[in-house]
N, C-alpha and C. Protein backbone atom coordinates (compact mmCIF):
# COMPACT_ATOMS: atom_id res chain seq x y z
N MET A 1 3.92 -0.99 15.48
CA MET A 1 2.53 -0.59 15.38
C MET A 1 2.30 0.07 14.02
N ILE A 2 1.42 -0.51 13.24
CA ILE A 2 1.10 0.01 11.91
C ILE A 2 -0.41 0.20 11.83
N GLU A 3 -0.82 1.41 11.54
CA GLU A 3 -2.24 1.74 11.48
C GLU A 3 -2.58 2.31 10.12
N LEU A 4 -3.73 1.93 9.61
CA LEU A 4 -4.22 2.40 8.31
C LEU A 4 -5.38 3.35 8.51
N VAL A 5 -5.27 4.52 7.88
CA VAL A 5 -6.37 5.47 7.78
C VAL A 5 -6.72 5.59 6.31
N THR A 6 -7.99 5.54 5.96
CA THR A 6 -8.39 5.77 4.58
C THR A 6 -9.24 7.04 4.49
N THR A 7 -9.02 7.78 3.41
CA THR A 7 -9.79 8.99 3.16
C THR A 7 -10.20 9.02 1.70
N ASP A 8 -11.29 9.69 1.42
CA ASP A 8 -11.84 9.77 0.07
C ASP A 8 -11.75 11.20 -0.46
N GLY A 9 -11.47 11.30 -1.76
CA GLY A 9 -11.41 12.63 -2.37
C GLY A 9 -11.16 12.51 -3.86
N ILE A 10 -10.58 13.57 -4.42
CA ILE A 10 -10.40 13.68 -5.87
C ILE A 10 -8.92 13.67 -6.21
N PHE A 11 -8.57 12.83 -7.17
CA PHE A 11 -7.25 12.90 -7.81
C PHE A 11 -7.41 13.69 -9.08
N ALA A 12 -6.62 14.75 -9.23
CA ALA A 12 -6.72 15.64 -10.39
C ALA A 12 -5.37 15.74 -11.07
N LEU A 13 -5.36 15.51 -12.40
CA LEU A 13 -4.14 15.65 -13.18
C LEU A 13 -4.50 15.79 -14.64
N ASP A 14 -3.77 16.65 -15.33
CA ASP A 14 -3.95 16.84 -16.78
C ASP A 14 -5.39 17.22 -17.14
N GLY A 15 -6.06 17.94 -16.27
CA GLY A 15 -7.42 18.39 -16.55
C GLY A 15 -8.50 17.38 -16.23
N GLY A 16 -8.14 16.19 -15.80
CA GLY A 16 -9.12 15.17 -15.42
C GLY A 16 -9.25 15.06 -13.93
N GLU A 17 -10.38 14.52 -13.48
CA GLU A 17 -10.61 14.30 -12.06
C GLU A 17 -11.20 12.92 -11.85
N TRP A 18 -10.73 12.23 -10.81
CA TRP A 18 -11.19 10.88 -10.50
C TRP A 18 -11.41 10.76 -9.00
N GLU A 19 -12.51 10.12 -8.61
CA GLU A 19 -12.75 9.85 -7.20
C GLU A 19 -11.87 8.69 -6.75
N VAL A 20 -11.18 8.88 -5.64
CA VAL A 20 -10.24 7.87 -5.15
C VAL A 20 -10.36 7.72 -3.64
N THR A 21 -9.99 6.54 -3.17
CA THR A 21 -9.79 6.28 -1.74
C THR A 21 -8.30 6.07 -1.52
N ASN A 22 -7.74 6.84 -0.62
CA ASN A 22 -6.30 6.79 -0.35
C ASN A 22 -6.00 6.09 0.96
N ASN A 23 -4.87 5.39 0.98
CA ASN A 23 -4.33 4.80 2.20
C ASN A 23 -3.31 5.74 2.82
N ILE A 24 -3.48 6.03 4.10
CA ILE A 24 -2.49 6.77 4.88
C ILE A 24 -1.99 5.82 5.96
N TRP A 25 -0.69 5.64 6.02
CA TRP A 25 -0.11 4.69 6.96
C TRP A 25 0.58 5.43 8.10
N ILE A 26 0.24 5.05 9.33
CA ILE A 26 0.84 5.63 10.54
C ILE A 26 1.64 4.52 11.20
N VAL A 27 2.94 4.76 11.35
CA VAL A 27 3.86 3.71 11.81
C VAL A 27 4.69 4.24 12.97
N GLY A 28 4.75 3.49 14.05
CA GLY A 28 5.55 3.89 15.19
C GLY A 28 5.18 3.12 16.43
N ASP A 29 5.09 3.82 17.55
CA ASP A 29 4.68 3.19 18.81
C ASP A 29 3.70 4.12 19.51
N ASP A 30 3.56 3.97 20.82
CA ASP A 30 2.56 4.78 21.52
C ASP A 30 3.07 6.17 21.87
N ARG A 31 4.30 6.49 21.44
CA ARG A 31 4.86 7.82 21.73
C ARG A 31 5.11 8.64 20.47
N GLU A 32 5.68 8.01 19.43
CA GLU A 32 6.00 8.77 18.23
C GLU A 32 5.73 7.93 16.99
N VAL A 33 5.40 8.64 15.90
CA VAL A 33 5.02 7.96 14.65
C VAL A 33 5.56 8.73 13.45
N LEU A 34 5.62 8.01 12.32
CA LEU A 34 5.71 8.62 11.01
C LEU A 34 4.35 8.51 10.34
N VAL A 35 3.99 9.52 9.56
CA VAL A 35 2.78 9.47 8.75
C VAL A 35 3.20 9.43 7.29
N PHE A 36 2.81 8.36 6.60
CA PHE A 36 3.10 8.23 5.17
C PHE A 36 1.89 8.69 4.37
N ASP A 37 2.07 9.83 3.71
CA ASP A 37 1.08 10.52 2.87
C ASP A 37 0.03 11.26 3.71
N ALA A 38 -0.54 12.28 3.06
CA ALA A 38 -1.48 13.17 3.74
C ALA A 38 -2.60 13.50 2.76
N ALA A 39 -3.61 12.65 2.76
CA ALA A 39 -4.63 12.68 1.71
C ALA A 39 -5.96 13.22 2.22
N HIS A 40 -6.44 14.25 1.54
CA HIS A 40 -7.83 14.70 1.56
C HIS A 40 -8.29 15.33 2.88
N ASP A 41 -8.14 14.63 4.00
CA ASP A 41 -8.78 15.05 5.26
C ASP A 41 -7.77 14.98 6.39
N HIS A 42 -7.18 16.13 6.72
CA HIS A 42 -6.14 16.09 7.75
C HIS A 42 -6.69 15.70 9.12
N GLN A 43 -7.97 16.01 9.38
CA GLN A 43 -8.51 15.74 10.71
C GLN A 43 -8.60 14.25 11.00
N ALA A 44 -8.89 13.45 9.98
CA ALA A 44 -8.92 12.00 10.18
C ALA A 44 -7.55 11.48 10.59
N ILE A 45 -6.50 12.08 10.05
CA ILE A 45 -5.13 11.68 10.39
C ILE A 45 -4.79 12.14 11.81
N VAL A 46 -5.15 13.37 12.13
CA VAL A 46 -4.92 13.90 13.48
C VAL A 46 -5.59 13.01 14.52
N ASP A 47 -6.83 12.60 14.23
CA ASP A 47 -7.56 11.76 15.18
C ASP A 47 -6.85 10.43 15.38
N ALA A 48 -6.31 9.86 14.30
CA ALA A 48 -5.61 8.58 14.42
C ALA A 48 -4.27 8.71 15.14
N VAL A 49 -3.60 9.83 14.94
CA VAL A 49 -2.34 10.07 15.65
C VAL A 49 -2.58 10.15 17.15
N ASN A 50 -3.69 10.76 17.52
CA ASN A 50 -4.17 10.73 18.91
C ASN A 50 -3.14 11.24 19.91
N GLY A 51 -2.55 12.37 19.58
CA GLY A 51 -1.68 13.04 20.53
C GLY A 51 -0.23 12.61 20.52
N ARG A 52 0.10 11.57 19.75
CA ARG A 52 1.49 11.15 19.68
C ARG A 52 2.32 12.17 18.89
N ARG A 53 3.62 12.14 19.14
CA ARG A 53 4.52 13.00 18.38
C ARG A 53 4.64 12.47 16.96
N VAL A 54 4.45 13.34 15.98
CA VAL A 54 4.67 12.97 14.58
C VAL A 54 6.07 13.42 14.21
N LYS A 55 6.95 12.46 13.96
CA LYS A 55 8.33 12.80 13.65
C LYS A 55 8.46 13.42 12.27
N ALA A 56 7.64 12.94 11.31
CA ALA A 56 7.63 13.52 9.98
C ALA A 56 6.38 13.09 9.24
N ILE A 57 5.96 13.94 8.32
CA ILE A 57 4.92 13.62 7.34
C ILE A 57 5.67 13.29 6.06
N VAL A 58 5.71 12.02 5.71
CA VAL A 58 6.54 11.53 4.62
C VAL A 58 5.65 11.31 3.40
N LEU A 59 5.93 12.03 2.32
CA LEU A 59 5.12 11.94 1.12
C LEU A 59 5.77 10.99 0.12
N THR A 60 5.03 9.96 -0.27
CA THR A 60 5.59 8.99 -1.21
C THR A 60 5.81 9.60 -2.58
N HIS A 61 4.99 10.60 -2.93
CA HIS A 61 5.17 11.34 -4.18
C HIS A 61 4.28 12.58 -4.13
N GLY A 62 4.28 13.36 -5.21
CA GLY A 62 3.67 14.68 -5.16
C GLY A 62 2.30 14.82 -5.78
N HIS A 63 1.63 13.74 -6.17
CA HIS A 63 0.29 13.89 -6.73
C HIS A 63 -0.67 14.47 -5.69
N ASN A 64 -1.64 15.24 -6.18
CA ASN A 64 -2.46 16.03 -5.26
C ASN A 64 -3.15 15.18 -4.20
N ASP A 65 -3.58 13.96 -4.58
CA ASP A 65 -4.35 13.16 -3.63
C ASP A 65 -3.48 12.58 -2.52
N HIS A 66 -2.16 12.73 -2.60
CA HIS A 66 -1.27 12.29 -1.52
C HIS A 66 -0.74 13.45 -0.70
N ILE A 67 -0.97 14.68 -1.15
CA ILE A 67 -0.39 15.84 -0.46
C ILE A 67 -1.41 16.91 -0.10
N ASN A 68 -2.69 16.74 -0.48
CA ASN A 68 -3.62 17.85 -0.34
C ASN A 68 -4.08 18.11 1.10
N ALA A 69 -3.67 17.25 2.04
CA ALA A 69 -3.89 17.54 3.46
C ALA A 69 -2.59 17.82 4.20
N ALA A 70 -1.47 17.94 3.46
CA ALA A 70 -0.16 18.00 4.12
C ALA A 70 0.03 19.27 4.93
N VAL A 71 -0.30 20.41 4.37
CA VAL A 71 -0.05 21.66 5.08
C VAL A 71 -0.94 21.80 6.32
N PRO A 72 -2.26 21.57 6.23
CA PRO A 72 -3.05 21.62 7.47
C PRO A 72 -2.65 20.55 8.48
N LEU A 73 -2.18 19.39 8.01
CA LEU A 73 -1.70 18.39 8.96
C LEU A 73 -0.45 18.87 9.66
N ARG A 74 0.46 19.48 8.90
CA ARG A 74 1.67 20.04 9.52
C ARG A 74 1.31 21.06 10.59
N GLU A 75 0.35 21.91 10.30
CA GLU A 75 -0.05 22.93 11.27
C GLU A 75 -0.66 22.30 12.52
N ALA A 76 -1.37 21.17 12.34
CA ALA A 76 -2.05 20.54 13.47
C ALA A 76 -1.11 19.75 14.36
N VAL A 77 -0.08 19.12 13.77
CA VAL A 77 0.77 18.22 14.56
C VAL A 77 2.21 18.71 14.68
N ASP A 78 2.54 19.83 14.04
CA ASP A 78 3.86 20.45 14.14
C ASP A 78 4.96 19.47 13.75
N ALA A 79 4.84 18.93 12.52
CA ALA A 79 5.84 17.99 12.02
C ALA A 79 6.32 18.43 10.64
N PRO A 80 7.56 18.12 10.29
CA PRO A 80 8.06 18.50 8.97
C PRO A 80 7.48 17.64 7.87
N ILE A 81 7.27 18.26 6.71
CA ILE A 81 6.83 17.56 5.50
C ILE A 81 8.05 17.24 4.66
N LEU A 82 8.19 15.98 4.26
CA LEU A 82 9.32 15.54 3.45
C LEU A 82 8.82 15.05 2.10
N LEU A 83 9.48 15.51 1.02
CA LEU A 83 9.09 15.15 -0.35
C LEU A 83 10.34 15.14 -1.22
N HIS A 84 10.45 14.17 -2.11
CA HIS A 84 11.57 14.13 -3.05
C HIS A 84 11.55 15.38 -3.93
N ASP A 85 12.72 15.96 -4.14
CA ASP A 85 12.81 17.22 -4.88
C ASP A 85 12.27 17.13 -6.30
N ALA A 86 12.34 15.94 -6.92
CA ALA A 86 11.90 15.80 -8.31
C ALA A 86 10.40 15.97 -8.49
N ASP A 87 9.64 15.95 -7.39
CA ASP A 87 8.19 16.14 -7.48
C ASP A 87 7.75 17.53 -7.03
N ARG A 88 8.70 18.46 -6.94
CA ARG A 88 8.32 19.80 -6.50
C ARG A 88 7.33 20.47 -7.44
N MET A 89 7.40 20.19 -8.75
CA MET A 89 6.45 20.81 -9.68
C MET A 89 5.02 20.35 -9.41
N LEU A 90 4.86 19.12 -8.92
CA LEU A 90 3.53 18.64 -8.55
C LEU A 90 3.08 19.30 -7.25
N TRP A 91 3.98 19.40 -6.29
CA TRP A 91 3.67 20.10 -5.04
C TRP A 91 3.22 21.53 -5.32
N ASP A 92 3.94 22.21 -6.20
CA ASP A 92 3.68 23.64 -6.44
C ASP A 92 2.31 23.89 -7.06
N THR A 93 1.73 22.89 -7.73
CA THR A 93 0.38 23.09 -8.27
C THR A 93 -0.67 23.04 -7.18
N VAL A 94 -0.38 22.33 -6.09
CA VAL A 94 -1.33 22.20 -4.98
C VAL A 94 -1.09 23.26 -3.91
N TRP A 95 0.18 23.51 -3.61
CA TRP A 95 0.56 24.43 -2.54
C TRP A 95 1.53 25.48 -3.07
N PRO A 96 1.08 26.36 -3.99
CA PRO A 96 2.01 27.31 -4.61
C PRO A 96 2.60 28.32 -3.63
N GLY A 97 1.95 28.54 -2.52
CA GLY A 97 2.46 29.51 -1.56
C GLY A 97 3.21 28.90 -0.41
N ASP A 98 3.52 27.62 -0.51
CA ASP A 98 4.14 26.92 0.61
C ASP A 98 5.25 26.01 0.10
N GLU A 99 5.99 25.43 1.03
CA GLU A 99 7.10 24.55 0.65
C GLU A 99 7.14 23.36 1.60
N PRO A 100 7.63 22.21 1.10
CA PRO A 100 7.98 21.13 2.04
C PRO A 100 9.12 21.59 2.95
N ASP A 101 9.32 20.85 4.02
CA ASP A 101 10.35 21.24 4.98
C ASP A 101 11.70 20.59 4.69
N GLY A 102 11.70 19.55 3.88
CA GLY A 102 12.95 18.88 3.57
C GLY A 102 12.73 17.82 2.51
N PRO A 103 13.82 17.26 2.00
CA PRO A 103 13.71 16.25 0.96
C PRO A 103 13.56 14.84 1.53
N VAL A 104 12.91 13.98 0.77
CA VAL A 104 13.07 12.54 0.95
C VAL A 104 14.36 12.18 0.23
N ASP A 105 15.30 11.63 0.94
CA ASP A 105 16.67 11.48 0.46
C ASP A 105 16.99 10.00 0.23
N PRO A 106 16.92 9.53 -1.03
CA PRO A 106 17.20 8.11 -1.29
C PRO A 106 18.56 7.69 -0.78
N GLY A 107 18.60 6.50 -0.21
CA GLY A 107 19.82 5.99 0.39
C GLY A 107 19.94 6.28 1.86
N ALA A 108 19.18 7.26 2.34
CA ALA A 108 19.16 7.58 3.76
C ALA A 108 18.11 6.70 4.46
N THR A 109 18.03 6.85 5.77
CA THR A 109 17.00 6.17 6.54
C THR A 109 16.20 7.19 7.33
N ILE A 110 15.00 6.78 7.68
CA ILE A 110 14.14 7.60 8.54
C ILE A 110 13.51 6.66 9.55
N SER A 111 13.40 7.10 10.80
CA SER A 111 12.93 6.19 11.83
C SER A 111 12.00 6.89 12.81
N ALA A 112 11.17 6.08 13.45
CA ALA A 112 10.29 6.54 14.52
C ALA A 112 9.72 5.33 15.23
N GLY A 113 9.62 5.43 16.54
CA GLY A 113 8.93 4.43 17.32
C GLY A 113 9.41 3.01 17.11
N GLY A 114 10.73 2.85 16.94
CA GLY A 114 11.29 1.52 16.79
C GLY A 114 11.27 0.96 15.38
N HIS A 115 10.78 1.73 14.43
CA HIS A 115 10.79 1.31 13.02
C HIS A 115 11.81 2.16 12.27
N GLU A 116 12.63 1.50 11.47
CA GLU A 116 13.59 2.21 10.63
C GLU A 116 13.35 1.85 9.17
N PHE A 117 13.31 2.88 8.33
CA PHE A 117 13.00 2.69 6.92
C PHE A 117 14.15 3.16 6.06
N GLY A 118 14.55 2.29 5.12
CA GLY A 118 15.43 2.71 4.06
C GLY A 118 14.63 3.36 2.95
N ILE A 119 15.15 4.46 2.42
CA ILE A 119 14.44 5.23 1.38
C ILE A 119 14.97 4.80 0.02
N VAL A 120 14.05 4.38 -0.84
CA VAL A 120 14.40 3.85 -2.16
C VAL A 120 13.69 4.68 -3.23
N HIS A 121 14.46 5.24 -4.16
CA HIS A 121 13.88 6.06 -5.23
C HIS A 121 13.35 5.13 -6.32
N THR A 122 12.05 5.24 -6.63
CA THR A 122 11.41 4.37 -7.62
C THR A 122 10.60 5.21 -8.60
N PRO A 123 11.25 5.98 -9.47
CA PRO A 123 10.52 6.83 -10.40
C PRO A 123 9.72 6.02 -11.42
N GLY A 124 8.75 6.71 -12.02
CA GLY A 124 7.93 6.09 -13.06
C GLY A 124 6.50 6.56 -12.99
N HIS A 125 5.85 6.39 -11.82
CA HIS A 125 4.51 6.96 -11.62
C HIS A 125 4.61 8.48 -11.56
N SER A 126 5.67 8.95 -10.93
CA SER A 126 6.10 10.34 -11.00
C SER A 126 7.62 10.33 -10.84
N PRO A 127 8.29 11.44 -11.18
CA PRO A 127 9.76 11.43 -11.11
C PRO A 127 10.31 11.24 -9.72
N GLY A 128 9.57 11.67 -8.71
CA GLY A 128 10.09 11.63 -7.35
C GLY A 128 9.51 10.54 -6.47
N CYS A 129 8.84 9.57 -7.06
CA CYS A 129 8.27 8.49 -6.25
C CYS A 129 9.34 7.77 -5.45
N CYS A 130 9.04 7.50 -4.20
CA CYS A 130 9.94 6.75 -3.34
C CYS A 130 9.17 5.69 -2.57
N CYS A 131 9.88 4.61 -2.23
CA CYS A 131 9.34 3.56 -1.39
C CYS A 131 10.17 3.50 -0.10
N PHE A 132 9.58 2.90 0.94
CA PHE A 132 10.17 2.95 2.27
C PHE A 132 10.19 1.54 2.84
N HIS A 133 11.40 0.99 2.98
CA HIS A 133 11.59 -0.42 3.30
C HIS A 133 11.94 -0.59 4.77
N ASP A 134 11.05 -1.25 5.49
CA ASP A 134 11.26 -1.61 6.89
C ASP A 134 11.90 -3.00 6.89
N VAL A 135 13.23 -3.02 6.93
CA VAL A 135 13.96 -4.29 6.80
C VAL A 135 13.59 -5.23 7.95
N ALA A 136 13.62 -4.73 9.16
CA ALA A 136 13.36 -5.57 10.33
C ALA A 136 11.92 -6.09 10.33
N GLY A 137 10.99 -5.27 9.84
CA GLY A 137 9.59 -5.66 9.84
C GLY A 137 9.17 -6.47 8.62
N GLY A 138 10.05 -6.57 7.64
CA GLY A 138 9.73 -7.35 6.45
C GLY A 138 8.59 -6.76 5.64
N ARG A 139 8.62 -5.42 5.51
CA ARG A 139 7.53 -4.76 4.78
C ARG A 139 8.08 -3.55 4.05
N VAL A 140 7.33 -3.12 3.03
CA VAL A 140 7.71 -1.94 2.27
C VAL A 140 6.45 -1.14 1.97
N PHE A 141 6.56 0.17 2.12
CA PHE A 141 5.47 1.09 1.81
C PHE A 141 5.75 1.69 0.43
N THR A 142 4.87 1.40 -0.53
CA THR A 142 5.18 1.66 -1.94
C THR A 142 4.41 2.83 -2.54
N GLY A 143 3.54 3.49 -1.79
CA GLY A 143 2.78 4.57 -2.40
C GLY A 143 2.05 4.08 -3.63
N ASP A 144 2.24 4.77 -4.76
CA ASP A 144 1.60 4.38 -6.01
C ASP A 144 2.57 3.71 -6.98
N THR A 145 3.72 3.25 -6.47
CA THR A 145 4.67 2.56 -7.35
C THR A 145 4.24 1.13 -7.63
N LEU A 146 3.83 0.40 -6.59
CA LEU A 146 3.43 -0.99 -6.77
C LEU A 146 2.16 -1.25 -5.98
N PHE A 147 1.16 -1.79 -6.67
CA PHE A 147 -0.14 -2.10 -6.07
C PHE A 147 -0.35 -3.60 -6.00
N CYS A 148 -1.42 -3.98 -5.33
CA CYS A 148 -1.95 -5.32 -5.46
C CYS A 148 -2.53 -5.43 -6.86
N GLY A 149 -1.81 -6.12 -7.75
CA GLY A 149 -2.24 -6.19 -9.15
C GLY A 149 -1.23 -5.62 -10.12
N GLY A 150 -0.14 -5.02 -9.61
CA GLY A 150 0.89 -4.59 -10.52
C GLY A 150 1.35 -3.16 -10.34
N PRO A 151 2.13 -2.66 -11.31
CA PRO A 151 2.68 -1.30 -11.20
C PRO A 151 1.60 -0.23 -11.17
N GLY A 152 1.96 0.92 -10.59
CA GLY A 152 1.07 2.06 -10.59
C GLY A 152 0.85 2.61 -11.99
N ALA A 153 -0.14 3.48 -12.08
CA ALA A 153 -0.57 4.01 -13.38
C ALA A 153 0.51 4.88 -14.01
N THR A 154 0.58 4.79 -15.33
CA THR A 154 1.40 5.69 -16.13
C THR A 154 0.53 6.18 -17.29
N GLY A 155 1.09 7.02 -18.14
CA GLY A 155 0.33 7.52 -19.27
C GLY A 155 -0.14 8.95 -19.12
N ARG A 156 0.12 9.52 -17.94
CA ARG A 156 -0.20 10.94 -17.74
C ARG A 156 1.11 11.72 -17.56
N SER A 157 0.98 13.00 -17.35
CA SER A 157 2.17 13.85 -17.25
C SER A 157 3.16 13.32 -16.23
N HIS A 158 4.43 13.42 -16.56
CA HIS A 158 5.54 13.10 -15.65
C HIS A 158 5.59 11.62 -15.29
N SER A 159 4.94 10.73 -16.07
CA SER A 159 4.98 9.31 -15.77
C SER A 159 5.45 8.53 -17.00
N ASP A 160 5.93 7.31 -16.76
CA ASP A 160 6.47 6.52 -17.86
C ASP A 160 6.48 5.05 -17.47
N GLU A 161 5.83 4.20 -18.28
CA GLU A 161 5.71 2.78 -17.90
C GLU A 161 7.03 2.04 -17.89
N PRO A 162 7.89 2.15 -18.92
CA PRO A 162 9.18 1.45 -18.80
C PRO A 162 9.98 1.86 -17.57
N THR A 163 9.87 3.13 -17.19
CA THR A 163 10.62 3.60 -16.01
C THR A 163 10.10 2.96 -14.74
N ILE A 164 8.77 2.90 -14.57
CA ILE A 164 8.23 2.32 -13.33
C ILE A 164 8.50 0.83 -13.27
N VAL A 165 8.39 0.13 -14.41
CA VAL A 165 8.65 -1.31 -14.40
C VAL A 165 10.12 -1.57 -14.08
N ALA A 166 11.02 -0.77 -14.63
CA ALA A 166 12.43 -0.92 -14.31
C ALA A 166 12.71 -0.61 -12.85
N SER A 167 12.02 0.39 -12.30
CA SER A 167 12.18 0.72 -10.88
C SER A 167 11.77 -0.44 -9.99
N ILE A 168 10.62 -1.01 -10.30
CA ILE A 168 10.12 -2.12 -9.47
C ILE A 168 11.04 -3.32 -9.59
N ARG A 169 11.42 -3.65 -10.83
CA ARG A 169 12.28 -4.81 -11.02
C ARG A 169 13.62 -4.62 -10.32
N GLY A 170 14.19 -3.43 -10.46
CA GLY A 170 15.52 -3.21 -9.91
C GLY A 170 15.56 -2.97 -8.42
N GLN A 171 14.52 -2.32 -7.89
CA GLN A 171 14.56 -1.90 -6.49
C GLN A 171 13.70 -2.75 -5.57
N LEU A 172 12.55 -3.21 -6.06
CA LEU A 172 11.61 -3.91 -5.18
C LEU A 172 11.68 -5.43 -5.33
N LEU A 173 11.90 -5.91 -6.54
CA LEU A 173 11.96 -7.36 -6.70
C LEU A 173 13.22 -7.97 -6.11
N SER A 174 14.15 -7.12 -5.68
CA SER A 174 15.31 -7.62 -4.94
C SER A 174 14.94 -8.02 -3.52
N LEU A 175 13.76 -7.62 -3.07
CA LEU A 175 13.28 -7.99 -1.74
C LEU A 175 12.73 -9.41 -1.77
N SER A 176 12.64 -10.03 -0.62
CA SER A 176 12.16 -11.41 -0.55
C SER A 176 10.68 -11.49 -0.92
N ASP A 177 10.26 -12.66 -1.40
CA ASP A 177 8.86 -12.86 -1.77
C ASP A 177 7.92 -12.63 -0.60
N GLU A 178 8.39 -12.85 0.61
CA GLU A 178 7.53 -12.72 1.79
C GLU A 178 7.32 -11.26 2.21
N THR A 179 8.06 -10.33 1.61
CA THR A 179 7.96 -8.93 2.01
C THR A 179 6.55 -8.42 1.77
N ILE A 180 5.95 -7.85 2.81
CA ILE A 180 4.59 -7.29 2.73
C ILE A 180 4.66 -5.93 2.06
N VAL A 181 3.73 -5.68 1.15
CA VAL A 181 3.67 -4.43 0.40
C VAL A 181 2.42 -3.66 0.83
N HIS A 182 2.65 -2.53 1.49
CA HIS A 182 1.57 -1.63 1.89
C HIS A 182 1.47 -0.51 0.85
N THR A 183 0.32 -0.39 0.22
CA THR A 183 0.17 0.44 -0.97
C THR A 183 -0.54 1.76 -0.67
N GLY A 184 -0.50 2.66 -1.66
CA GLY A 184 -1.16 3.95 -1.52
C GLY A 184 -2.65 3.93 -1.76
N HIS A 185 -3.12 2.90 -2.43
CA HIS A 185 -4.56 2.68 -2.66
C HIS A 185 -4.79 1.18 -2.66
N GLY A 186 -5.93 0.74 -2.18
CA GLY A 186 -6.30 -0.66 -2.30
C GLY A 186 -5.65 -1.57 -1.29
N ASP A 187 -5.61 -2.86 -1.64
CA ASP A 187 -5.23 -3.90 -0.70
C ASP A 187 -3.72 -4.04 -0.56
N THR A 188 -3.31 -4.56 0.58
CA THR A 188 -1.94 -4.96 0.81
C THR A 188 -1.66 -6.23 0.03
N THR A 189 -0.39 -6.38 -0.40
CA THR A 189 0.01 -7.56 -1.17
C THR A 189 1.39 -7.99 -0.70
N THR A 190 2.07 -8.81 -1.50
CA THR A 190 3.45 -9.21 -1.20
C THR A 190 4.29 -9.09 -2.46
N ILE A 191 5.59 -9.01 -2.26
CA ILE A 191 6.50 -8.99 -3.42
C ILE A 191 6.31 -10.26 -4.25
N GLY A 192 6.19 -11.40 -3.58
CA GLY A 192 6.03 -12.65 -4.30
C GLY A 192 4.79 -12.70 -5.18
N ALA A 193 3.70 -12.12 -4.68
CA ALA A 193 2.46 -12.13 -5.46
C ALA A 193 2.58 -11.27 -6.71
N GLU A 194 3.38 -10.20 -6.64
CA GLU A 194 3.47 -9.26 -7.76
C GLU A 194 4.63 -9.58 -8.71
N ARG A 195 5.58 -10.40 -8.26
CA ARG A 195 6.78 -10.65 -9.06
C ARG A 195 6.47 -11.18 -10.46
N PRO A 196 5.63 -12.22 -10.63
CA PRO A 196 5.45 -12.76 -11.98
C PRO A 196 4.89 -11.74 -12.98
N GLY A 197 3.92 -10.95 -12.53
CA GLY A 197 3.33 -9.96 -13.43
C GLY A 197 4.30 -8.88 -13.84
N VAL A 198 5.10 -8.43 -12.88
CA VAL A 198 6.09 -7.39 -13.19
C VAL A 198 7.13 -7.92 -14.17
N LEU A 199 7.61 -9.12 -13.94
CA LEU A 199 8.63 -9.69 -14.83
C LEU A 199 8.07 -9.94 -16.22
N ALA A 200 6.81 -10.36 -16.28
CA ALA A 200 6.19 -10.56 -17.60
C ALA A 200 6.06 -9.25 -18.35
N ARG A 201 5.67 -8.20 -17.65
CA ARG A 201 5.53 -6.90 -18.31
C ARG A 201 6.89 -6.36 -18.73
N ALA A 202 7.91 -6.57 -17.91
CA ALA A 202 9.26 -6.13 -18.27
C ALA A 202 9.71 -6.82 -19.56
N GLU A 203 9.40 -8.09 -19.69
CA GLU A 203 9.77 -8.82 -20.91
C GLU A 203 9.02 -8.27 -22.11
N GLU A 204 7.73 -7.99 -21.93
CA GLU A 204 6.94 -7.41 -23.03
C GLU A 204 7.50 -6.08 -23.49
N LEU A 205 7.98 -5.28 -22.54
CA LEU A 205 8.50 -3.96 -22.86
C LEU A 205 9.96 -4.01 -23.34
N GLY A 206 10.57 -5.17 -23.21
CA GLY A 206 11.96 -5.31 -23.65
C GLY A 206 12.95 -4.62 -22.75
N ILE A 207 12.67 -4.62 -21.46
CA ILE A 207 13.58 -3.94 -20.51
C ILE A 207 14.08 -4.94 -19.47
């Protein structure tokens, strides 16, 4: 069972602000779920969870628009917040008086409701970006690492285009073309649809 919740709000970084619509993915069964990202409006997520046990609130990375509902969501559903340690500086700008409950640990797995995800570290959009690969389901949750249309944005603090392109090529393009890509913003895509553009950009960058 995979459910999409979208919320609207502001992405803020380096003194700029942009209006964005975020994807929040709820994955599990009718008893327990994982929540991928916690954007803008915790109540919309609580309503979608609808009383099920939340095993964890899994943050794909630390940008404000993916974590700004994390603490109130944790309070509402009593679930741990997980974030890669390399994005703690981003977390601390949003929640300076609070902490995540544990790390997103690359190479480990996380599971709920019959879904098991391998955790893959894909830095570039931010240092701690991670993707979550559901091998059995043939899908990957990429946050802002890979979108319908190519790699996530770089050019702002803590981001780097050669790094993200290398992450995608090395970690995500190893997946089959049929693998469904559920993104942090915008439409779902597939590895096959994004492969040519990523490889072309890698060649342009000489990586």
